[in-house]
Amino acid sequence: MLKLKPVTKENLIEITDLEMEDDQKGFVEDNLFSIAECYLYKEFIPKGIYDGDVPVGFVLYYFVEGDPDYVFLHRIMVDKNQQGKGYGVQALEACCKAFKKEFPSIGCVELIHYPDNDRAAAVYEKAGFHLTGDSVKSAPGRIERTSTDPNRTFEMVRRRFY
């Protein structure tokens, strides 16, 4: 069973050492950048995803008051050495369980992804995150700031309801 653990000075290196496959790096910022963002965006919550004592991934999220209240799953990744073991769906399940415990008022979890991120879309769908039919203008970060790819101008919205 996977568990979320806070990022601390004791596990910072092992969390920032986790990496995506080369062909996935255009879809998500690296963990060090994500953790640095937490300095500027105080609502961001970074956690390591662990299988026992082994770090297998990383998640960054925040609570949004609304109708319904929800958690926005800003980033999630599974280390390239841990992929293909079912950790993607398990990590999303662990996140949803932890979010509901941390924020009992939430009615759903929301995430977004680029339309050409087929691998992630399949994992999200399998974990119960369904397309809403909405899309949002993309705010490309460091990895995509100079891209002219039309797939980087918007992201598709998915939600999983409780």
C-alpha atoms as a PDB file:
ATOM      1  CA  MET A   1       0.000   0.000   0.000  1.00  0.00           C
ATOM      2  CA  LEU A   2       1.436   3.348  -1.042  1.00  0.00           C
ATOM      3  CA  LYS A   3       1.618   6.246   1.388  1.00  0.00           C
ATOM      4  CA  LEU A   4       2.229   9.969   1.041  1.00  0.00           C
ATOM      5  CA  LYS A   5       4.961  11.492   3.188  1.00  0.00           C
ATOM      6  CA  PRO A   6       5.855  15.175   3.554  1.00  0.00           C
ATOM      7  CA  VAL A   7       8.983  16.384   1.783  1.00  0.00           C
ATOM      8  CA  THR A   8      11.488  17.269   4.501  1.00  0.00           C
ATOM      9  CA  LYS A   9      15.185  18.023   4.708  1.00  0.00           C
ATOM     10  CA  GLU A  10      15.674  14.313   5.493  1.00  0.00           C
ATOM     11  CA  ASN A  11      14.123  13.059   2.236  1.00  0.00           C
ATOM     12  CA  LEU A  12      14.675  16.040  -0.090  1.00  0.00           C
ATOM     13  CA  ILE A  13      17.548  14.431  -1.995  1.00  0.00           C
ATOM     14  CA  GLU A  14      15.768  11.129  -2.588  1.00  0.00           C
ATOM     15  CA  ILE A  15      12.652  12.941  -3.811  1.00  0.00           C
ATOM     16  CA  THR A  16      14.584  15.284  -6.116  1.00  0.00           C
ATOM     17  CA  ASP A  17      16.552  12.320  -7.480  1.00  0.00           C
ATOM     18  CA  LEU A  18      13.340  10.781  -8.870  1.00  0.00           C
ATOM     19  CA  GLU A  19      13.117  11.273 -12.640  1.00  0.00           C
ATOM     20  CA  MET A  20      10.725  10.858 -15.539  1.00  0.00           C
ATOM     21  CA  GLU A  21      11.490   8.904 -18.711  1.00  0.00           C
ATOM     22  CA  ASP A  22      13.101  11.145 -21.330  1.00  0.00           C
ATOM     23  CA  ASP A  23       9.962  11.081 -23.516  1.00  0.00           C
ATOM     24  CA  GLN A  24       7.855  12.223 -20.521  1.00  0.00           C
ATOM     25  CA  LYS A  25       9.964  15.203 -19.481  1.00  0.00           C
ATOM     26  CA  GLY A  26       8.015  17.620 -21.679  1.00  0.00           C
ATOM     27  CA  PHE A  27       4.836  16.889 -19.751  1.00  0.00           C
ATOM     28  CA  VAL A  28       5.779  17.689 -16.160  1.00  0.00           C
ATOM     29  CA  GLU A  29       8.289  19.865 -14.317  1.00  0.00           C
ATOM     30  CA  ASP A  30      10.968  18.077 -12.327  1.00  0.00           C
ATOM     31  CA  ASN A  31      10.548  17.647  -8.589  1.00  0.00           C
ATOM     32  CA  LEU A  32      13.183  20.196  -7.615  1.00  0.00           C
ATOM     33  CA  PHE A  33      11.365  22.917  -9.586  1.00  0.00           C
ATOM     34  CA  SER A  34       8.046  21.841  -8.041  1.00  0.00           C
ATOM     35  CA  ILE A  35       9.463  22.041  -4.530  1.00  0.00           C
ATOM     36  CA  ALA A  36      10.969  25.468  -5.292  1.00  0.00           C
ATOM     37  CA  GLU A  37       7.501  26.661  -6.361  1.00  0.00           C
ATOM     38  CA  CYS A  38       6.257  25.891  -2.849  1.00  0.00           C
ATOM     39  CA  TYR A  39       8.368  28.792  -1.591  1.00  0.00           C
ATOM     40  CA  LEU A  40       6.338  31.177  -3.770  1.00  0.00           C
ATOM     41  CA  TYR A  41       2.943  29.463  -3.664  1.00  0.00           C
ATOM     42  CA  LYS A  42       2.331  28.764  -0.001  1.00  0.00           C
ATOM     43  CA  GLU A  43      -0.858  26.801  -0.747  1.00  0.00           C
ATOM     44  CA  PHE A  44       1.141  24.104  -2.597  1.00  0.00           C
ATOM     45  CA  ILE A  45       1.693  20.871  -0.666  1.00  0.00           C
ATOM     46  CA  PRO A  46       4.561  18.608  -1.805  1.00  0.00           C
ATOM     47  CA  LYS A  47       4.660  14.944  -0.805  1.00  0.00           C
ATOM     48  CA  GLY A  48       6.730  11.917  -1.665  1.00  0.00           C
ATOM     49  CA  ILE A  49       4.926   8.752  -2.701  1.00  0.00           C
ATOM     50  CA  TYR A  50       6.376   5.757  -0.888  1.00  0.00           C
ATOM     51  CA  ASP A  51       6.104   2.001  -1.060  1.00  0.00           C
ATOM     52  CA  GLY A  52       7.263   1.219   2.462  1.00  0.00           C
ATOM     53  CA  ASP A  53      10.533   3.103   2.810  1.00  0.00           C
ATOM     54  CA  VAL A  54      11.168   3.286  -0.949  1.00  0.00           C
ATOM     55  CA  PRO A  55      10.321   6.567  -2.693  1.00  0.00           C
ATOM     56  CA  VAL A  56       8.519   5.769  -5.949  1.00  0.00           C
ATOM     57  CA  GLY A  57       7.024   9.136  -6.888  1.00  0.00           C
ATOM     58  CA  PHE A  58       6.068  12.687  -6.066  1.00  0.00           C
ATOM     59  CA  VAL A  59       2.850  14.690  -5.858  1.00  0.00           C
ATOM     60  CA  LEU A  60       2.104  18.405  -5.586  1.00  0.00           C
ATOM     61  CA  TYR A  61      -1.422  19.581  -4.762  1.00  0.00           C
ATOM     62  CA  TYR A  62      -3.554  22.254  -3.146  1.00  0.00           C
ATOM     63  CA  PHE A  63      -7.046  22.768  -1.763  1.00  0.00           C
ATOM     64  CA  VAL A  64      -9.584  24.878  -3.679  1.00  0.00           C
ATOM     65  CA  GLU A  65     -12.731  26.284  -2.060  1.00  0.00           C
ATOM     66  CA  GLY A  66     -15.591  26.102  -4.489  1.00  0.00           C
ATOM     67  CA  ASP A  67     -18.771  24.338  -5.385  1.00  0.00           C
ATOM     68  CA  PRO A  68     -17.734  21.663  -4.723  1.00  0.00           C
ATOM     69  CA  ASP A  69     -14.580  22.130  -2.668  1.00  0.00           C
ATOM     70  CA  TYR A  70     -11.849  20.129  -4.354  1.00  0.00           C
ATOM     71  CA  VAL A  71      -8.174  19.293  -4.380  1.00  0.00           C
ATOM     72  CA  PHE A  72      -6.262  20.300  -7.474  1.00  0.00           C
ATOM     73  CA  LEU A  73      -3.647  17.668  -8.237  1.00  0.00           C
ATOM     74  CA  HIS A  74      -1.070  20.008  -9.744  1.00  0.00           C
ATOM     75  CA  ARG A  75       1.622  17.406 -10.432  1.00  0.00           C
ATOM     76  CA  ILE A  76       2.117  13.703 -10.014  1.00  0.00           C
ATOM     77  CA  MET A  77       4.961  11.548 -11.224  1.00  0.00           C
ATOM     78  CA  VAL A  78       6.305   8.019 -10.824  1.00  0.00           C
ATOM     79  CA  ASP A  79      10.055   7.510 -11.069  1.00  0.00           C
ATOM     80  CA  LYS A  80      11.256   6.035 -14.364  1.00  0.00           C
ATOM     81  CA  ASN A  81      12.732   3.037 -12.506  1.00  0.00           C
ATOM     82  CA  GLN A  82       9.373   2.305 -10.866  1.00  0.00           C
ATOM     83  CA  GLN A  83       7.120   2.600 -13.917  1.00  0.00           C
ATOM     84  CA  GLY A  84       5.326  -0.438 -15.275  1.00  0.00           C
ATOM     85  CA  LYS A  85       4.642  -1.800 -11.779  1.00  0.00           C
ATOM     86  CA  GLY A  86       1.122  -0.406 -11.363  1.00  0.00           C
ATOM     87  CA  TYR A  87       2.273   2.478  -9.196  1.00  0.00           C
ATOM     88  CA  GLY A  88       0.499   5.135 -11.288  1.00  0.00           C
ATOM     89  CA  VAL A  89      -3.024   3.977 -10.476  1.00  0.00           C
ATOM     90  CA  GLN A  90      -2.014   2.999  -6.930  1.00  0.00           C
ATOM     91  CA  ALA A  91      -0.500   6.461  -6.374  1.00  0.00           C
ATOM     92  CA  LEU A  92      -3.688   8.156  -7.547  1.00  0.00           C
ATOM     93  CA  GLU A  93      -5.745   5.935  -5.234  1.00  0.00           C
ATOM     94  CA  ALA A  94      -3.446   6.768  -2.309  1.00  0.00           C
ATOM     95  CA  CYS A  95      -3.698  10.478  -3.134  1.00  0.00           C
ATOM     96  CA  CYS A  96      -7.490  10.475  -3.288  1.00  0.00           C
ATOM     97  CA  LYS A  97      -7.696   8.664   0.042  1.00  0.00           C
ATOM     98  CA  ALA A  98      -5.194  11.035   1.692  1.00  0.00           C
ATOM     99  CA  PHE A  99      -6.857  14.149   0.241  1.00  0.00           C
ATOM    100  CA  LYS A 100     -10.283  13.190   1.607  1.00  0.00           C
ATOM    101  CA  LYS A 101      -8.760  12.602   5.033  1.00  0.00           C
ATOM    102  CA  GLU A 102      -6.863  15.911   4.948  1.00  0.00           C
ATOM    103  CA  PHE A 103      -9.759  17.922   3.464  1.00  0.00           C
ATOM    104  CA  PRO A 104     -13.044  16.181   4.426  1.00  0.00           C
ATOM    105  CA  SER A 105     -15.214  18.775   2.628  1.00  0.00           C
ATOM    106  CA  ILE A 106     -13.908  17.978  -0.857  1.00  0.00           C
ATOM    107  CA  GLY A 107     -16.266  16.491  -3.397  1.00  0.00           C
ATOM    108  CA  CYS A 108     -13.679  15.671  -6.037  1.00  0.00           C
ATOM    109  CA  VAL A 109     -10.073  15.771  -7.162  1.00  0.00           C
ATOM    110  CA  GLU A 110      -9.220  17.657 -10.335  1.00  0.00           C
ATOM    111  CA  LEU A 111      -6.192  17.471 -12.595  1.00  0.00           C
ATOM    112  CA  ILE A 112      -5.239  18.648 -16.056  1.00  0.00           C
ATOM    113  CA  HIS A 113      -2.975  17.243 -18.736  1.00  0.00           C
ATOM    114  CA  TYR A 114      -1.749  18.034 -22.221  1.00  0.00           C
ATOM    115  CA  PRO A 115      -3.898  16.439 -24.931  1.00  0.00           C
ATOM    116  CA  ASP A 116      -0.971  14.461 -26.349  1.00  0.00           C
ATOM    117  CA  ASN A 117       0.006  12.870 -23.015  1.00  0.00           C
ATOM    118  CA  ASP A 118      -1.608   9.544 -23.883  1.00  0.00           C
ATOM    119  CA  ARG A 119       0.215   7.480 -21.245  1.00  0.00           C
ATOM    120  CA  ALA A 120      -0.930   9.715 -18.404  1.00  0.00           C
ATOM    121  CA  ALA A 121      -4.457   9.959 -19.830  1.00  0.00           C
ATOM    122  CA  ALA A 122      -4.758   6.154 -19.783  1.00  0.00           C
ATOM    123  CA  VAL A 123      -3.590   5.976 -16.154  1.00  0.00           C
ATOM    124  CA  TYR A 124      -5.935   8.796 -15.110  1.00  0.00           C
ATOM    125  CA  GLU A 125      -8.894   7.140 -16.811  1.00  0.00           C
ATOM    126  CA  LYS A 126      -8.084   3.781 -15.206  1.00  0.00           C
ATOM    127  CA  ALA A 127      -7.972   5.505 -11.794  1.00  0.00           C
ATOM    128  CA  GLY A 128     -11.433   7.022 -12.294  1.00  0.00           C
ATOM    129  CA  PHE A 129     -10.465  10.515 -13.494  1.00  0.00           C
ATOM    130  CA  HIS A 130     -12.854  11.256 -16.328  1.00  0.00           C
ATOM    131  CA  LEU A 131     -12.782  14.073 -18.851  1.00  0.00           C
ATOM    132  CA  THR A 132     -15.160  16.881 -17.989  1.00  0.00           C
ATOM    133  CA  GLY A 133     -15.326  18.271 -21.524  1.00  0.00           C
ATOM    134  CA  ASP A 134     -13.591  21.427 -20.309  1.00  0.00           C
ATOM    135  CA  SER A 135     -10.126  22.635 -21.132  1.00  0.00           C
ATOM    136  CA  VAL A 136      -7.983  25.410 -19.704  1.00  0.00           C
ATOM    137  CA  LYS A 137      -5.414  27.672 -21.260  1.00  0.00           C
ATOM    138  CA  SER A 138      -2.042  26.217 -20.509  1.00  0.00           C
ATOM    139  CA  ALA A 139       0.438  28.147 -18.416  1.00  0.00           C
ATOM    140  CA  PRO A 140       3.629  26.529 -19.674  1.00  0.00           C
ATOM    141  CA  GLY A 141       6.314  26.300 -17.066  1.00  0.00           C
ATOM    142  CA  ARG A 142      10.014  26.127 -17.499  1.00  0.00           C
ATOM    143  CA  ILE A 143       9.912  22.986 -19.652  1.00  0.00           C
ATOM    144  CA  GLU A 144       7.534  24.354 -22.286  1.00  0.00           C
ATOM    145  CA  ARG A 145       8.007  28.113 -22.189  1.00  0.00           C
ATOM    146  CA  THR A 146       9.426  28.325 -25.718  1.00  0.00           C
ATOM    147  CA  SER A 147       7.252  25.644 -27.321  1.00  0.00           C
ATOM    148  CA  THR A 148       5.225  26.392 -30.431  1.00  0.00           C
ATOM    149  CA  ASP A 149       3.476  23.008 -30.242  1.00  0.00           C
ATOM    150  CA  PRO A 150      -0.311  23.554 -30.429  1.00  0.00           C
ATOM    151  CA  ASN A 151      -0.698  20.704 -27.904  1.00  0.00           C
ATOM    152  CA  ARG A 152       0.912  22.999 -25.331  1.00  0.00           C
ATOM    153  CA  THR A 153      -1.637  25.823 -25.583  1.00  0.00           C
ATOM    154  CA  PHE A 154      -4.369  24.107 -23.558  1.00  0.00           C
ATOM    155  CA  GLU A 155      -4.853  21.250 -21.114  1.00  0.00           C
ATOM    156  CA  MET A 156      -7.752  18.882 -20.674  1.00  0.00           C
ATOM    157  CA  VAL A 157      -9.618  18.804 -17.357  1.00  0.00           C
ATOM    158  CA  ARG A 158     -10.351  15.537 -15.555  1.00  0.00           C
ATOM    159  CA  ARG A 159     -12.211  14.993 -12.295  1.00  0.00           C
ATOM    160  CA  ARG A 160     -12.750  12.094  -9.961  1.00  0.00           C
ATOM    161  CA  PHE A 161     -15.716  12.484  -7.666  1.00  0.00           C
ATOM    162  CA  TYR A 162     -16.116  10.904  -4.242  1.00  0.00           C
END
